[in-house]
Amino acid sequence: MLSNRHRTLRRKKEMVQKVLHEPQLDTILMVEKAIREAKSYPTKKELWKSLPKQIQYQTFNRILEYLESSNKIVFDGHKIVWVFPNNPKLKALLETSVKLG
């Protein structure tokens, strides 16, 4: 039988392992695509439920944190807005435009 200290250490180790899990690239790309192709600006719950394959909510939140920190999405209240300029026409226009300053 495990002592209380051993149980506590085991729980801490399990919690650390759960936090250290990082999403796979294909899962991040799936979430990105779902945001870009959404007909309106989805809430977190709407987006999570609309994904083509199920992922853990903790993983989903970690992906959203990453997308926000890399300036691909912003949160407008509870809505998620894709702001990353990935449009080829826009990219070409920005590359050929005159820079001010």
C-alpha atoms as a PDB file:
ATOM      1  CA  MET A   1       0.000   0.000   0.000  1.00  0.00           C
ATOM      2  CA  LEU A   2       1.296   3.445  -0.944  1.00  0.00           C
ATOM      3  CA  SER A   3       1.854   6.140   1.632  1.00  0.00           C
ATOM      4  CA  ASN A   4       0.196   9.524   1.287  1.00  0.00           C
ATOM      5  CA  ARG A   5       3.502  11.042   0.220  1.00  0.00           C
ATOM      6  CA  HIS A   6       3.930   8.510  -2.589  1.00  0.00           C
ATOM      7  CA  ARG A   7       0.359   9.099  -3.796  1.00  0.00           C
ATOM      8  CA  THR A   8       0.943  12.856  -3.788  1.00  0.00           C
ATOM      9  CA  LEU A   9       4.176  12.477  -5.761  1.00  0.00           C
ATOM     10  CA  ARG A  10       2.461  10.175  -8.255  1.00  0.00           C
ATOM     11  CA  ARG A  11      -0.363  12.702  -8.755  1.00  0.00           C
ATOM     12  CA  LYS A  12       2.121  15.537  -9.274  1.00  0.00           C
ATOM     13  CA  LYS A  13       4.021  13.460 -11.823  1.00  0.00           C
ATOM     14  CA  GLU A  14       0.780  12.672 -13.680  1.00  0.00           C
ATOM     15  CA  MET A  15      -0.191  16.359 -13.696  1.00  0.00           C
ATOM     16  CA  VAL A  16       3.220  17.354 -15.096  1.00  0.00           C
ATOM     17  CA  GLN A  17       2.957  14.714 -17.827  1.00  0.00           C
ATOM     18  CA  LYS A  18      -0.489  16.012 -18.831  1.00  0.00           C
ATOM     19  CA  VAL A  19       0.747  19.610 -19.033  1.00  0.00           C
ATOM     20  CA  LEU A  20       3.840  18.656 -21.035  1.00  0.00           C
ATOM     21  CA  HIS A  21       1.777  17.068 -23.817  1.00  0.00           C
ATOM     22  CA  GLU A  22       2.073  19.155 -26.952  1.00  0.00           C
ATOM     23  CA  PRO A  23      -0.332  18.896 -29.885  1.00  0.00           C
ATOM     24  CA  GLN A  24       0.839  17.273 -33.093  1.00  0.00           C
ATOM     25  CA  LEU A  25       1.250  19.343 -36.234  1.00  0.00           C
ATOM     26  CA  ASP A  26      -1.646  17.655 -38.059  1.00  0.00           C
ATOM     27  CA  THR A  27      -3.951  18.525 -35.148  1.00  0.00           C
ATOM     28  CA  ILE A  28      -2.845  22.172 -35.162  1.00  0.00           C
ATOM     29  CA  LEU A  29      -3.381  22.363 -38.917  1.00  0.00           C
ATOM     30  CA  MET A  30      -6.841  20.807 -38.540  1.00  0.00           C
ATOM     31  CA  VAL A  31      -7.853  23.508 -36.042  1.00  0.00           C
ATOM     32  CA  GLU A  32      -6.364  26.263 -38.228  1.00  0.00           C
ATOM     33  CA  LYS A  33      -8.325  25.020 -41.239  1.00  0.00           C
ATOM     34  CA  ALA A  34     -11.560  24.837 -39.244  1.00  0.00           C
ATOM     35  CA  ILE A  35     -11.134  28.454 -38.120  1.00  0.00           C
ATOM     36  CA  ARG A  36     -10.257  29.731 -41.612  1.00  0.00           C
ATOM     37  CA  GLU A  37     -13.144  27.912 -43.286  1.00  0.00           C
ATOM     38  CA  ALA A  38     -15.811  28.727 -40.682  1.00  0.00           C
ATOM     39  CA  LYS A  39     -18.752  30.617 -42.178  1.00  0.00           C
ATOM     40  CA  SER A  40     -18.890  32.938 -39.155  1.00  0.00           C
ATOM     41  CA  TYR A  41     -16.618  33.624 -36.205  1.00  0.00           C
ATOM     42  CA  PRO A  42     -17.044  30.581 -33.956  1.00  0.00           C
ATOM     43  CA  THR A  43     -16.910  30.434 -30.182  1.00  0.00           C
ATOM     44  CA  LYS A  44     -14.486  27.985 -28.605  1.00  0.00           C
ATOM     45  CA  LYS A  45     -17.279  25.492 -27.946  1.00  0.00           C
ATOM     46  CA  GLU A  46     -18.682  25.783 -31.491  1.00  0.00           C
ATOM     47  CA  LEU A  47     -15.242  25.342 -33.015  1.00  0.00           C
ATOM     48  CA  TRP A  48     -14.347  22.393 -30.779  1.00  0.00           C
ATOM     49  CA  LYS A  49     -17.594  20.588 -31.648  1.00  0.00           C
ATOM     50  CA  SER A  50     -17.158  21.290 -35.384  1.00  0.00           C
ATOM     51  CA  LEU A  51     -13.734  19.642 -35.697  1.00  0.00           C
ATOM     52  CA  PRO A  52     -13.630  16.629 -38.049  1.00  0.00           C
ATOM     53  CA  LYS A  53     -11.935  14.484 -35.413  1.00  0.00           C
ATOM     54  CA  GLN A  54     -12.258  14.663 -31.652  1.00  0.00           C
ATOM     55  CA  ILE A  55      -9.424  16.040 -29.564  1.00  0.00           C
ATOM     56  CA  GLN A  56      -9.131  16.575 -25.840  1.00  0.00           C
ATOM     57  CA  TYR A  57     -10.318  19.977 -24.677  1.00  0.00           C
ATOM     58  CA  GLN A  58      -6.964  20.609 -22.955  1.00  0.00           C
ATOM     59  CA  THR A  59      -5.163  19.993 -26.265  1.00  0.00           C
ATOM     60  CA  PHE A  60      -7.656  22.230 -28.063  1.00  0.00           C
ATOM     61  CA  ASN A  61      -7.027  25.061 -25.576  1.00  0.00           C
ATOM     62  CA  ARG A  62      -3.267  24.630 -25.953  1.00  0.00           C
ATOM     63  CA  ILE A  63      -3.613  24.989 -29.736  1.00  0.00           C
ATOM     64  CA  LEU A  64      -5.676  28.162 -29.337  1.00  0.00           C
ATOM     65  CA  GLU A  65      -3.043  29.585 -26.972  1.00  0.00           C
ATOM     66  CA  TYR A  66      -0.376  28.857 -29.578  1.00  0.00           C
ATOM     67  CA  LEU A  67      -2.399  30.376 -32.441  1.00  0.00           C
ATOM     68  CA  GLU A  68      -3.085  33.509 -30.403  1.00  0.00           C
ATOM     69  CA  SER A  69       0.557  33.908 -29.330  1.00  0.00           C
ATOM     70  CA  SER A  70       1.702  33.534 -32.955  1.00  0.00           C
ATOM     71  CA  ASN A  71      -0.802  36.231 -34.048  1.00  0.00           C
ATOM     72  CA  LYS A  72      -2.873  33.919 -36.229  1.00  0.00           C
ATOM     73  CA  ILE A  73      -6.091  34.425 -34.248  1.00  0.00           C
ATOM     74  CA  VAL A  74      -7.576  36.996 -31.904  1.00  0.00           C
ATOM     75  CA  PHE A  75     -10.464  36.679 -29.506  1.00  0.00           C
ATOM     76  CA  ASP A  76     -13.283  39.166 -30.005  1.00  0.00           C
ATOM     77  CA  GLY A  77     -15.245  38.591 -26.830  1.00  0.00           C
ATOM     78  CA  HIS A  78     -16.034  34.883 -27.062  1.00  0.00           C
ATOM     79  CA  LYS A  79     -15.586  34.693 -30.841  1.00  0.00           C
ATOM     80  CA  ILE A  80     -12.417  33.469 -32.572  1.00  0.00           C
ATOM     81  CA  VAL A  81     -11.225  35.533 -35.544  1.00  0.00           C
ATOM     82  CA  TRP A  82      -8.555  34.375 -38.011  1.00  0.00           C
ATOM     83  CA  VAL A  83      -6.254  37.365 -38.685  1.00  0.00           C
ATOM     84  CA  PHE A  84      -3.170  35.779 -40.250  1.00  0.00           C
ATOM     85  CA  PRO A  85      -2.663  36.994 -43.858  1.00  0.00           C
ATOM     86  CA  ASN A  86      -2.511  33.661 -45.687  1.00  0.00           C
ATOM     87  CA  ASN A  87      -4.313  34.820 -48.819  1.00  0.00           C
ATOM     88  CA  PRO A  88      -1.936  34.485 -51.834  1.00  0.00           C
ATOM     89  CA  LYS A  89      -3.323  37.626 -53.517  1.00  0.00           C
ATOM     90  CA  LEU A  90      -2.923  39.639 -50.321  1.00  0.00           C
ATOM     91  CA  LYS A  91       0.603  38.288 -49.825  1.00  0.00           C
ATOM     92  CA  ALA A  92       1.564  39.297 -53.386  1.00  0.00           C
ATOM     93  CA  LEU A  93       0.036  42.744 -52.908  1.00  0.00           C
ATOM     94  CA  LEU A  94       1.935  43.288 -49.660  1.00  0.00           C
ATOM     95  CA  GLU A  95       5.225  42.192 -51.269  1.00  0.00           C
ATOM     96  CA  THR A  96       4.862  44.625 -54.180  1.00  0.00           C
ATOM     97  CA  SER A  97       3.465  47.580 -52.209  1.00  0.00           C
ATOM     98  CA  VAL A  98       5.468  50.695 -51.391  1.00  0.00           C
ATOM     99  CA  LYS A  99       6.712  50.692 -47.836  1.00  0.00           C
ATOM    100  CA  LEU A 100       6.152  53.880 -45.858  1.00  0.00           C
ATOM    101  CA  GLY A 101       8.545  55.186 -43.253  1.00  0.00           C
END
